[in-house]
């Protein structure tokens, strides 16, 4: 039942992006994480 390689790649990139936004750019981790989750949900809504 695992996701596709594309889904895995996008999810790993989302985690990396959240870490960069929060640690490097000093932005709110909550906003960054929920934004990443929403973007992933938009890409694969069902």
ModelCIF file with pLDDT and N, C-alpha, C, O atoms, coordinates in Angstrom:
data_MODEL
#
_entry.id   MODEL 
#
_entity.id                         1 
_entity.type                       polymer 
_entity.pdbx_number_of_molecules   1 
#
_entity_poly.entity_id                      1 
_entity_poly.type                           'polypeptide(L)' 
_entity_poly.nstd_linkage                   no 
_entity_poly.nstd_monomer                   no 
_entity_poly.pdbx_seq_one_letter_code       
;(UNK)(UNK)(UNK)(UNK)(UNK)(UNK)(UNK)(UNK)(UNK)(UNK)(UNK)(UNK)(UNK)(UNK)(UNK)(UNK)
(UNK)(UNK)(UNK)(UNK)(UNK)(UNK)(UNK)(UNK)(UNK)(UNK)(UNK)(UNK)(UNK)(UNK)(UNK)(UNK)
(UNK)(UNK)(UNK)(UNK)(UNK)(UNK)(UNK)(UNK)(UNK)(UNK)(UNK)(UNK)(UNK)(UNK)
;
_entity_poly.pdbx_seq_one_letter_code_can   XXXXXXXXXXXXXXXXXXXXXXXXXXXXXXXXXXXXXXXXXXXXXX 
_entity_poly.pdbx_strand_id                 A 
#
loop_
_entity_poly_seq.entity_id 
_entity_poly_seq.num 
_entity_poly_seq.mon_id 
_entity_poly_seq.hetero 
1 1  UNK n 
1 2  UNK n 
1 3  UNK n 
1 4  UNK n 
1 5  UNK n 
1 6  UNK n 
1 7  UNK n 
1 8  UNK n 
1 9  UNK n 
1 10 UNK n 
1 11 UNK n 
1 12 UNK n 
1 13 UNK n 
1 14 UNK n 
1 15 UNK n 
1 16 UNK n 
1 17 UNK n 
1 18 UNK n 
1 19 UNK n 
1 20 UNK n 
1 21 UNK n 
1 22 UNK n 
1 23 UNK n 
1 24 UNK n 
1 25 UNK n 
1 26 UNK n 
1 27 UNK n 
1 28 UNK n 
1 29 UNK n 
1 30 UNK n 
1 31 UNK n 
1 32 UNK n 
1 33 UNK n 
1 34 UNK n 
1 35 UNK n 
1 36 UNK n 
1 37 UNK n 
1 38 UNK n 
1 39 UNK n 
1 40 UNK n 
1 41 UNK n 
1 42 UNK n 
1 43 UNK n 
1 44 UNK n 
1 45 UNK n 
1 46 UNK n 
#
_struct_asym.id          A 
_struct_asym.entity_id   1 
#
loop_
_ma_qa_metric.id 
_ma_qa_metric.mode 
_ma_qa_metric.name 
_ma_qa_metric.software_group_id 
_ma_qa_metric.type 
1 global pLDDT . pLDDT 
2 local  pLDDT . pLDDT 
#
_ma_qa_metric_global.metric_id      1 
_ma_qa_metric_global.metric_value   83.87 
_ma_qa_metric_global.model_id       1 
_ma_qa_metric_global.ordinal_id     1 
#
loop_
_ma_qa_metric_local.label_asym_id 
_ma_qa_metric_local.label_comp_id 
_ma_qa_metric_local.label_seq_id 
_ma_qa_metric_local.metric_id 
_ma_qa_metric_local.metric_value 
_ma_qa_metric_local.model_id 
_ma_qa_metric_local.ordinal_id 
A UNK 1  2 46.00 1 1  
A UNK 2  2 53.00 1 2  
A UNK 3  2 69.00 1 3  
A UNK 4  2 84.00 1 4  
A UNK 5  2 86.00 1 5  
A UNK 6  2 89.00 1 6  
A UNK 7  2 90.00 1 7  
A UNK 8  2 90.00 1 8  
A UNK 9  2 92.00 1 9  
A UNK 10 2 93.00 1 10 
A UNK 11 2 91.00 1 11 
A UNK 12 2 90.00 1 12 
A UNK 13 2 93.00 1 13 
A UNK 14 2 91.00 1 14 
A UNK 15 2 84.00 1 15 
A UNK 16 2 85.00 1 16 
A UNK 17 2 89.00 1 17 
A UNK 18 2 84.00 1 18 
A UNK 19 2 75.00 1 19 
A UNK 20 2 80.00 1 20 
A UNK 21 2 83.00 1 21 
A UNK 22 2 74.00 1 22 
A UNK 23 2 62.00 1 23 
A UNK 24 2 71.00 1 24 
A UNK 25 2 79.00 1 25 
A UNK 26 2 70.00 1 26 
A UNK 27 2 81.00 1 27 
A UNK 28 2 78.00 1 28 
A UNK 29 2 76.00 1 29 
A UNK 30 2 82.00 1 30 
A UNK 31 2 91.00 1 31 
A UNK 32 2 88.00 1 32 
A UNK 33 2 87.00 1 33 
A UNK 34 2 92.00 1 34 
A UNK 35 2 95.00 1 35 
A UNK 36 2 93.00 1 36 
A UNK 37 2 93.00 1 37 
A UNK 38 2 94.00 1 38 
A UNK 39 2 95.00 1 39 
A UNK 40 2 94.00 1 40 
A UNK 41 2 93.00 1 41 
A UNK 42 2 93.00 1 42 
A UNK 43 2 91.00 1 43 
A UNK 44 2 85.00 1 44 
A UNK 45 2 83.00 1 45 
A UNK 46 2 81.00 1 46 
#
loop_
_atom_site.group_PDB 
_atom_site.id 
_atom_site.type_symbol 
_atom_site.label_atom_id 
_atom_site.label_alt_id 
_atom_site.label_comp_id 
_atom_site.label_asym_id 
_atom_site.label_entity_id 
_atom_site.label_seq_id 
_atom_site.pdbx_PDB_ins_code 
_atom_site.Cartn_x 
_atom_site.Cartn_y 
_atom_site.Cartn_z 
_atom_site.occupancy 
_atom_site.B_iso_or_equiv 
_atom_site.pdbx_formal_charge 
_atom_site.auth_seq_id 
_atom_site.auth_comp_id 
_atom_site.auth_asym_id 
_atom_site.auth_atom_id 
_atom_site.pdbx_PDB_model_num 
ATOM 1   N N  . UNK A 1 1  ? 0.801  -1.210 0.000  1.00 46.00 ? 1  UNK A N  1 
ATOM 2   C CA . UNK A 1 1  ? 0.000  0.000  0.000  1.00 46.00 ? 1  UNK A CA 1 
ATOM 3   C C  . UNK A 1 1  ? 0.843  1.273  0.000  1.00 46.00 ? 1  UNK A C  1 
ATOM 4   O O  . UNK A 1 1  ? 0.330  2.365  0.243  1.00 46.00 ? 1  UNK A O  1 
ATOM 5   N N  . UNK A 1 2  ? 2.147  1.124  -0.276 1.00 53.00 ? 2  UNK A N  1 
ATOM 6   C CA . UNK A 1 2  ? 3.025  2.290  -0.238 1.00 53.00 ? 2  UNK A CA 1 
ATOM 7   C C  . UNK A 1 2  ? 2.707  3.226  -1.385 1.00 53.00 ? 2  UNK A C  1 
ATOM 8   O O  . UNK A 1 2  ? 2.169  2.811  -2.411 1.00 53.00 ? 2  UNK A O  1 
ATOM 9   N N  . UNK A 1 3  ? 3.047  4.505  -1.199 1.00 69.00 ? 3  UNK A N  1 
ATOM 10  C CA . UNK A 1 3  ? 2.812  5.491  -2.242 1.00 69.00 ? 3  UNK A CA 1 
ATOM 11  C C  . UNK A 1 3  ? 3.805  5.350  -3.380 1.00 69.00 ? 3  UNK A C  1 
ATOM 12  O O  . UNK A 1 3  ? 4.680  4.485  -3.357 1.00 69.00 ? 3  UNK A O  1 
ATOM 13  N N  . UNK A 1 4  ? 3.661  6.192  -4.353 1.00 84.00 ? 4  UNK A N  1 
ATOM 14  C CA . UNK A 1 4  ? 4.545  6.145  -5.516 1.00 84.00 ? 4  UNK A CA 1 
ATOM 15  C C  . UNK A 1 4  ? 5.880  6.803  -5.187 1.00 84.00 ? 4  UNK A C  1 
ATOM 16  O O  . UNK A 1 4  ? 6.023  7.502  -4.183 1.00 84.00 ? 4  UNK A O  1 
ATOM 17  N N  . UNK A 1 5  ? 6.844  6.561  -6.056 1.00 86.00 ? 5  UNK A N  1 
ATOM 18  C CA . UNK A 1 5  ? 8.155  7.195  -5.876 1.00 86.00 ? 5  UNK A CA 1 
ATOM 19  C C  . UNK A 1 5  ? 8.028  8.714  -5.892 1.00 86.00 ? 5  UNK A C  1 
ATOM 20  O O  . UNK A 1 5  ? 8.711  9.411  -5.141 1.00 86.00 ? 5  UNK A O  1 
ATOM 21  N N  . UNK A 1 6  ? 7.144  9.224  -6.756 1.00 89.00 ? 6  UNK A N  1 
ATOM 22  C CA . UNK A 1 6  ? 6.934  10.668 -6.817 1.00 89.00 ? 6  UNK A CA 1 
ATOM 23  C C  . UNK A 1 6  ? 6.407  11.191 -5.489 1.00 89.00 ? 6  UNK A C  1 
ATOM 24  O O  . UNK A 1 6  ? 6.855  12.235 -5.017 1.00 89.00 ? 6  UNK A O  1 
ATOM 25  N N  . UNK A 1 7  ? 5.459  10.479 -4.879 1.00 90.00 ? 7  UNK A N  1 
ATOM 26  C CA . UNK A 1 7  ? 4.913  10.912 -3.590 1.00 90.00 ? 7  UNK A CA 1 
ATOM 27  C C  . UNK A 1 7  ? 5.987  10.897 -2.509 1.00 90.00 ? 7  UNK A C  1 
ATOM 28  O O  . UNK A 1 7  ? 6.063  11.809 -1.685 1.00 90.00 ? 7  UNK A O  1 
ATOM 29  N N  . UNK A 1 8  ? 6.816  9.854  -2.518 1.00 90.00 ? 8  UNK A N  1 
ATOM 30  C CA . UNK A 1 8  ? 7.904  9.796  -1.544 1.00 90.00 ? 8  UNK A CA 1 
ATOM 31  C C  . UNK A 1 8  ? 8.858  10.968 -1.724 1.00 90.00 ? 8  UNK A C  1 
ATOM 32  O O  . UNK A 1 8  ? 9.260  11.612 -0.756 1.00 90.00 ? 8  UNK A O  1 
ATOM 33  N N  . UNK A 1 9  ? 9.213  11.233 -2.970 1.00 92.00 ? 9  UNK A N  1 
ATOM 34  C CA . UNK A 1 9  ? 10.149 12.322 -3.258 1.00 92.00 ? 9  UNK A CA 1 
ATOM 35  C C  . UNK A 1 9  ? 9.584  13.665 -2.833 1.00 92.00 ? 9  UNK A C  1 
ATOM 36  O O  . UNK A 1 9  ? 10.273 14.469 -2.206 1.00 92.00 ? 9  UNK A O  1 
ATOM 37  N N  . UNK A 1 10 ? 8.319  13.903 -3.180 1.00 93.00 ? 10 UNK A N  1 
ATOM 38  C CA . UNK A 1 10 ? 7.692  15.166 -2.817 1.00 93.00 ? 10 UNK A CA 1 
ATOM 39  C C  . UNK A 1 10 ? 7.603  15.333 -1.301 1.00 93.00 ? 10 UNK A C  1 
ATOM 40  O O  . UNK A 1 10 ? 7.794  16.430 -0.777 1.00 93.00 ? 10 UNK A O  1 
ATOM 41  N N  . UNK A 1 11 ? 7.309  14.231 -0.601 1.00 91.00 ? 11 UNK A N  1 
ATOM 42  C CA . UNK A 1 11 ? 7.189  14.311 0.856  1.00 91.00 ? 11 UNK A CA 1 
ATOM 43  C C  . UNK A 1 11 ? 8.540  14.605 1.506  1.00 91.00 ? 11 UNK A C  1 
ATOM 44  O O  . UNK A 1 11 ? 8.633  15.432 2.413  1.00 91.00 ? 11 UNK A O  1 
ATOM 45  N N  . UNK A 1 12 ? 9.577  13.929 1.037  1.00 90.00 ? 12 UNK A N  1 
ATOM 46  C CA . UNK A 1 12 ? 10.911 14.190 1.572  1.00 90.00 ? 12 UNK A CA 1 
ATOM 47  C C  . UNK A 1 12 ? 11.350 15.626 1.278  1.00 90.00 ? 12 UNK A C  1 
ATOM 48  O O  . UNK A 1 12 ? 11.971 16.275 2.120  1.00 90.00 ? 12 UNK A O  1 
ATOM 49  N N  . UNK A 1 13 ? 11.025 16.116 0.083  1.00 93.00 ? 13 UNK A N  1 
ATOM 50  C CA . UNK A 1 13 ? 11.343 17.499 -0.259 1.00 93.00 ? 13 UNK A CA 1 
ATOM 51  C C  . UNK A 1 13 ? 10.551 18.467 0.617  1.00 93.00 ? 13 UNK A C  1 
ATOM 52  O O  . UNK A 1 13 ? 11.049 19.533 0.980  1.00 93.00 ? 13 UNK A O  1 
ATOM 53  N N  . UNK A 1 14 ? 9.310  18.090 0.954  1.00 91.00 ? 14 UNK A N  1 
ATOM 54  C CA . UNK A 1 14 ? 8.489  18.941 1.821  1.00 91.00 ? 14 UNK A CA 1 
ATOM 55  C C  . UNK A 1 14 ? 9.119  19.069 3.203  1.00 91.00 ? 14 UNK A C  1 
ATOM 56  O O  . UNK A 1 14 ? 9.173  20.162 3.767  1.00 91.00 ? 14 UNK A O  1 
ATOM 57  N N  . UNK A 1 15 ? 9.601  17.940 3.753  1.00 84.00 ? 15 UNK A N  1 
ATOM 58  C CA . UNK A 1 15 ? 10.273 17.996 5.053  1.00 84.00 ? 15 UNK A CA 1 
ATOM 59  C C  . UNK A 1 15 ? 11.528 18.858 4.982  1.00 84.00 ? 15 UNK A C  1 
ATOM 60  O O  . UNK A 1 15 ? 11.798 19.654 5.882  1.00 84.00 ? 15 UNK A O  1 
ATOM 61  N N  . UNK A 1 16 ? 12.287 18.694 3.911  1.00 85.00 ? 16 UNK A N  1 
ATOM 62  C CA . UNK A 1 16 ? 13.499 19.495 3.750  1.00 85.00 ? 16 UNK A CA 1 
ATOM 63  C C  . UNK A 1 16 ? 13.155 20.978 3.655  1.00 85.00 ? 16 UNK A C  1 
ATOM 64  O O  . UNK A 1 16 ? 13.823 21.818 4.258  1.00 85.00 ? 16 UNK A O  1 
ATOM 65  N N  . UNK A 1 17 ? 12.108 21.293 2.895  1.00 89.00 ? 17 UNK A N  1 
ATOM 66  C CA . UNK A 1 17 ? 11.706 22.692 2.734  1.00 89.00 ? 17 UNK A CA 1 
ATOM 67  C C  . UNK A 1 17 ? 11.264 23.304 4.057  1.00 89.00 ? 17 UNK A C  1 
ATOM 68  O O  . UNK A 1 17 ? 11.591 24.451 4.361  1.00 89.00 ? 17 UNK A O  1 
ATOM 69  N N  . UNK A 1 18 ? 10.518 22.529 4.840  1.00 84.00 ? 18 UNK A N  1 
ATOM 70  C CA . UNK A 1 18 ? 10.064 23.033 6.145  1.00 84.00 ? 18 UNK A CA 1 
ATOM 71  C C  . UNK A 1 18 ? 11.262 23.320 7.044  1.00 84.00 ? 18 UNK A C  1 
ATOM 72  O O  . UNK A 1 18 ? 11.307 24.346 7.723  1.00 84.00 ? 18 UNK A O  1 
ATOM 73  N N  . UNK A 1 19 ? 12.228 22.410 7.043  1.00 75.00 ? 19 UNK A N  1 
ATOM 74  C CA . UNK A 1 19 ? 13.413 22.603 7.868  1.00 75.00 ? 19 UNK A CA 1 
ATOM 75  C C  . UNK A 1 19 ? 14.181 23.851 7.447  1.00 75.00 ? 19 UNK A C  1 
ATOM 76  O O  . UNK A 1 19 ? 14.640 24.619 8.292  1.00 75.00 ? 19 UNK A O  1 
ATOM 77  N N  . UNK A 1 20 ? 14.318 24.051 6.135  1.00 80.00 ? 20 UNK A N  1 
ATOM 78  C CA . UNK A 1 20 ? 15.061 25.216 5.636  1.00 80.00 ? 20 UNK A CA 1 
ATOM 79  C C  . UNK A 1 20 ? 14.332 26.511 5.974  1.00 80.00 ? 20 UNK A C  1 
ATOM 80  O O  . UNK A 1 20 ? 14.937 27.475 6.442  1.00 80.00 ? 20 UNK A O  1 
ATOM 81  N N  . UNK A 1 21 ? 13.021 26.518 5.728  1.00 83.00 ? 21 UNK A N  1 
ATOM 82  C CA . UNK A 1 21 ? 12.232 27.724 5.993  1.00 83.00 ? 21 UNK A CA 1 
ATOM 83  C C  . UNK A 1 21 ? 12.269 28.088 7.473  1.00 83.00 ? 21 UNK A C  1 
ATOM 84  O O  . UNK A 1 21 ? 12.386 29.260 7.830  1.00 83.00 ? 21 UNK A O  1 
ATOM 85  N N  . UNK A 1 22 ? 12.168 27.070 8.333  1.00 74.00 ? 22 UNK A N  1 
ATOM 86  C CA . UNK A 1 22 ? 12.121 27.333 9.771  1.00 74.00 ? 22 UNK A CA 1 
ATOM 87  C C  . UNK A 1 22 ? 13.486 27.684 10.353 1.00 74.00 ? 22 UNK A C  1 
ATOM 88  O O  . UNK A 1 22 ? 13.597 28.588 11.180 1.00 74.00 ? 22 UNK A O  1 
ATOM 89  N N  . UNK A 1 23 ? 14.534 26.962 9.917  1.00 62.00 ? 23 UNK A N  1 
ATOM 90  C CA . UNK A 1 23 ? 15.838 27.139 10.539 1.00 62.00 ? 23 UNK A CA 1 
ATOM 91  C C  . UNK A 1 23 ? 16.696 28.194 9.854  1.00 62.00 ? 23 UNK A C  1 
ATOM 92  O O  . UNK A 1 23 ? 17.374 28.978 10.518 1.00 62.00 ? 23 UNK A O  1 
ATOM 93  N N  . UNK A 1 24 ? 16.666 28.214 8.530  1.00 71.00 ? 24 UNK A N  1 
ATOM 94  C CA . UNK A 1 24 ? 17.517 29.146 7.794  1.00 71.00 ? 24 UNK A CA 1 
ATOM 95  C C  . UNK A 1 24 ? 16.877 30.525 7.715  1.00 71.00 ? 24 UNK A C  1 
ATOM 96  O O  . UNK A 1 24 ? 17.541 31.539 7.930  1.00 71.00 ? 24 UNK A O  1 
ATOM 97  N N  . UNK A 1 25 ? 15.571 30.558 7.400  1.00 79.00 ? 25 UNK A N  1 
ATOM 98  C CA . UNK A 1 25 ? 14.881 31.836 7.227  1.00 79.00 ? 25 UNK A CA 1 
ATOM 99  C C  . UNK A 1 25 ? 14.125 32.285 8.478  1.00 79.00 ? 25 UNK A C  1 
ATOM 100 O O  . UNK A 1 25 ? 13.509 33.350 8.492  1.00 79.00 ? 25 UNK A O  1 
ATOM 101 N N  . UNK A 1 26 ? 14.178 31.459 9.532  1.00 70.00 ? 26 UNK A N  1 
ATOM 102 C CA . UNK A 1 26 ? 13.594 31.814 10.828 1.00 70.00 ? 26 UNK A CA 1 
ATOM 103 C C  . UNK A 1 26 ? 12.111 32.159 10.723 1.00 70.00 ? 26 UNK A C  1 
ATOM 104 O O  . UNK A 1 26 ? 11.652 33.143 11.303 1.00 70.00 ? 26 UNK A O  1 
ATOM 105 N N  . UNK A 1 27 ? 11.369 31.343 9.979  1.00 81.00 ? 27 UNK A N  1 
ATOM 106 C CA . UNK A 1 27 ? 9.929  31.519 9.861  1.00 81.00 ? 27 UNK A CA 1 
ATOM 107 C C  . UNK A 1 27 ? 9.204  30.543 10.787 1.00 81.00 ? 27 UNK A C  1 
ATOM 108 O O  . UNK A 1 27 ? 9.784  29.562 11.255 1.00 81.00 ? 27 UNK A O  1 
ATOM 109 N N  . UNK A 1 28 ? 7.951  30.825 11.036 1.00 78.00 ? 28 UNK A N  1 
ATOM 110 C CA . UNK A 1 28 ? 7.157  30.005 11.949 1.00 78.00 ? 28 UNK A CA 1 
ATOM 111 C C  . UNK A 1 28 ? 7.036  28.576 11.419 1.00 78.00 ? 28 UNK A C  1 
ATOM 112 O O  . UNK A 1 28 ? 6.574  28.352 10.300 1.00 78.00 ? 28 UNK A O  1 
ATOM 113 N N  . UNK A 1 29 ? 7.460  27.615 12.243 1.00 76.00 ? 29 UNK A N  1 
ATOM 114 C CA . UNK A 1 29 ? 7.451  26.213 11.833 1.00 76.00 ? 29 UNK A CA 1 
ATOM 115 C C  . UNK A 1 29 ? 6.033  25.700 11.604 1.00 76.00 ? 29 UNK A C  1 
ATOM 116 O O  . UNK A 1 29 ? 5.810  24.851 10.740 1.00 76.00 ? 29 UNK A O  1 
ATOM 117 N N  . UNK A 1 30 ? 5.076  26.211 12.373 1.00 82.00 ? 30 UNK A N  1 
ATOM 118 C CA . UNK A 1 30 ? 3.689  25.774 12.204 1.00 82.00 ? 30 UNK A CA 1 
ATOM 119 C C  . UNK A 1 30 ? 3.130  26.166 10.859 1.00 82.00 ? 30 UNK A C  1 
ATOM 120 O O  . UNK A 1 30 ? 2.509  25.349 10.179 1.00 82.00 ? 30 UNK A O  1 
ATOM 121 N N  . UNK A 1 31 ? 3.345  27.423 10.463 1.00 91.00 ? 31 UNK A N  1 
ATOM 122 C CA . UNK A 1 31 ? 2.890  27.878 9.152  1.00 91.00 ? 31 UNK A CA 1 
ATOM 123 C C  . UNK A 1 31 ? 3.596  27.110 8.030  1.00 91.00 ? 31 UNK A C  1 
ATOM 124 O O  . UNK A 1 31 ? 2.975  26.738 7.034  1.00 91.00 ? 31 UNK A O  1 
ATOM 125 N N  . UNK A 1 32 ? 4.897  26.881 8.204  1.00 88.00 ? 32 UNK A N  1 
ATOM 126 C CA . UNK A 1 32 ? 5.655  26.180 7.162  1.00 88.00 ? 32 UNK A CA 1 
ATOM 127 C C  . UNK A 1 32 ? 5.169  24.744 6.997  1.00 88.00 ? 32 UNK A C  1 
ATOM 128 O O  . UNK A 1 32 ? 4.994  24.269 5.875  1.00 88.00 ? 32 UNK A O  1 
ATOM 129 N N  . UNK A 1 33 ? 4.952  24.053 8.114  1.00 87.00 ? 33 UNK A N  1 
ATOM 130 C CA . UNK A 1 33 ? 4.537  22.655 8.057  1.00 87.00 ? 33 UNK A CA 1 
ATOM 131 C C  . UNK A 1 33 ? 3.133  22.495 7.480  1.00 87.00 ? 33 UNK A C  1 
ATOM 132 O O  . UNK A 1 33 ? 2.888  21.619 6.650  1.00 87.00 ? 33 UNK A O  1 
ATOM 133 N N  . UNK A 1 34 ? 2.214  23.350 7.927  1.00 92.00 ? 34 UNK A N  1 
ATOM 134 C CA . UNK A 1 34 ? 0.851  23.208 7.429  1.00 92.00 ? 34 UNK A CA 1 
ATOM 135 C C  . UNK A 1 34 ? 0.758  23.620 5.963  1.00 92.00 ? 34 UNK A C  1 
ATOM 136 O O  . UNK A 1 34 ? -0.070 23.094 5.220  1.00 92.00 ? 34 UNK A O  1 
ATOM 137 N N  . UNK A 1 35 ? 1.610  24.565 5.542  1.00 95.00 ? 35 UNK A N  1 
ATOM 138 C CA . UNK A 1 35 ? 1.654  24.934 4.131  1.00 95.00 ? 35 UNK A CA 1 
ATOM 139 C C  . UNK A 1 35 ? 2.154  23.762 3.290  1.00 95.00 ? 35 UNK A C  1 
ATOM 140 O O  . UNK A 1 35 ? 1.595  23.471 2.233  1.00 95.00 ? 35 UNK A O  1 
ATOM 141 N N  . UNK A 1 36 ? 3.207  23.090 3.760  1.00 93.00 ? 36 UNK A N  1 
ATOM 142 C CA . UNK A 1 36 ? 3.732  21.924 3.043  1.00 93.00 ? 36 UNK A CA 1 
ATOM 143 C C  . UNK A 1 36 ? 2.684  20.824 2.955  1.00 93.00 ? 36 UNK A C  1 
ATOM 144 O O  . UNK A 1 36 ? 2.535  20.185 1.913  1.00 93.00 ? 36 UNK A O  1 
ATOM 145 N N  . UNK A 1 37 ? 1.953  20.600 4.057  1.00 93.00 ? 37 UNK A N  1 
ATOM 146 C CA . UNK A 1 37 ? 0.916  19.568 4.054  1.00 93.00 ? 37 UNK A CA 1 
ATOM 147 C C  . UNK A 1 37 ? -0.206 19.914 3.081  1.00 93.00 ? 37 UNK A C  1 
ATOM 148 O O  . UNK A 1 37 ? -0.708 19.038 2.376  1.00 93.00 ? 37 UNK A O  1 
ATOM 149 N N  . UNK A 1 38 ? -0.597 21.173 3.038  1.00 94.00 ? 38 UNK A N  1 
ATOM 150 C CA . UNK A 1 38 ? -1.654 21.601 2.122  1.00 94.00 ? 38 UNK A CA 1 
ATOM 151 C C  . UNK A 1 38 ? -1.202 21.465 0.672  1.00 94.00 ? 38 UNK A C  1 
ATOM 152 O O  . UNK A 1 38 ? -1.980 21.031 -0.178 1.00 94.00 ? 38 UNK A O  1 
ATOM 153 N N  . UNK A 1 39 ? 0.040  21.830 0.379  1.00 95.00 ? 39 UNK A N  1 
ATOM 154 C CA . UNK A 1 39 ? 0.559  21.706 -0.987 1.00 95.00 ? 39 UNK A CA 1 
ATOM 155 C C  . UNK A 1 39 ? 0.543  20.240 -1.420 1.00 95.00 ? 39 UNK A C  1 
ATOM 156 O O  . UNK A 1 39 ? 0.109  19.930 -2.529 1.00 95.00 ? 39 UNK A O  1 
ATOM 157 N N  . UNK A 1 40 ? 1.011  19.337 -0.558 1.00 94.00 ? 40 UNK A N  1 
ATOM 158 C CA . UNK A 1 40 ? 0.982  17.908 -0.884 1.00 94.00 ? 40 UNK A CA 1 
ATOM 159 C C  . UNK A 1 40 ? -0.450 17.421 -1.092 1.00 94.00 ? 40 UNK A C  1 
ATOM 160 O O  . UNK A 1 40 ? -0.710 16.599 -1.971 1.00 94.00 ? 40 UNK A O  1 
ATOM 161 N N  . UNK A 1 41 ? -1.369 17.927 -0.286 1.00 93.00 ? 41 UNK A N  1 
ATOM 162 C CA . UNK A 1 41 ? -2.775 17.531 -0.420 1.00 93.00 ? 41 UNK A CA 1 
ATOM 163 C C  . UNK A 1 41 ? -3.375 18.041 -1.726 1.00 93.00 ? 41 UNK A C  1 
ATOM 164 O O  . UNK A 1 41 ? -4.196 17.359 -2.340 1.00 93.00 ? 41 UNK A O  1 
ATOM 165 N N  . UNK A 1 42 ? -2.974 19.228 -2.151 1.00 93.00 ? 42 UNK A N  1 
ATOM 166 C CA . UNK A 1 42 ? -3.467 19.769 -3.415 1.00 93.00 ? 42 UNK A CA 1 
ATOM 167 C C  . UNK A 1 42 ? -2.953 18.941 -4.587 1.00 93.00 ? 42 UNK A C  1 
ATOM 168 O O  . UNK A 1 42 ? -3.680 18.702 -5.551 1.00 93.00 ? 42 UNK A O  1 
ATOM 169 N N  . UNK A 1 43 ? -1.693 18.502 -4.501 1.00 91.00 ? 43 UNK A N  1 
ATOM 170 C CA . UNK A 1 43 ? -1.101 17.722 -5.590 1.00 91.00 ? 43 UNK A CA 1 
ATOM 171 C C  . UNK A 1 43 ? -1.765 16.345 -5.716 1.00 91.00 ? 43 UNK A C  1 
ATOM 172 O O  . UNK A 1 43 ? -1.890 15.812 -6.818 1.00 91.00 ? 43 UNK A O  1 
ATOM 173 N N  . UNK A 1 44 ? -2.192 15.772 -4.578 1.00 85.00 ? 44 UNK A N  1 
ATOM 174 C CA . UNK A 1 44 ? -2.863 14.468 -4.604 1.00 85.00 ? 44 UNK A CA 1 
ATOM 175 C C  . UNK A 1 44 ? -4.068 14.529 -3.682 1.00 85.00 ? 44 UNK A C  1 
ATOM 176 O O  . UNK A 1 44 ? -4.048 13.931 -2.606 1.00 85.00 ? 44 UNK A O  1 
ATOM 177 N N  . UNK A 1 45 ? -5.123 15.241 -4.081 1.00 83.00 ? 45 UNK A N  1 
ATOM 178 C CA . UNK A 1 45 ? -6.255 15.490 -3.176 1.00 83.00 ? 45 UNK A CA 1 
ATOM 179 C C  . UNK A 1 45 ? -6.998 14.235 -2.743 1.00 83.00 ? 45 UNK A C  1 
ATOM 180 O O  . UNK A 1 45 ? -7.404 14.140 -1.584 1.00 83.00 ? 45 UNK A O  1 
ATOM 181 N N  . UNK A 1 46 ? -7.186 13.277 -3.626 1.00 81.00 ? 46 UNK A N  1 
ATOM 182 C CA . UNK A 1 46 ? -7.945 12.088 -3.264 1.00 81.00 ? 46 UNK A CA 1 
ATOM 183 C C  . UNK A 1 46 ? -7.185 11.210 -2.278 1.00 81.00 ? 46 UNK A C  1 
ATOM 184 O O  . UNK A 1 46 ? -7.687 10.163 -1.869 1.00 81.00 ? 46 UNK A O  1 
#
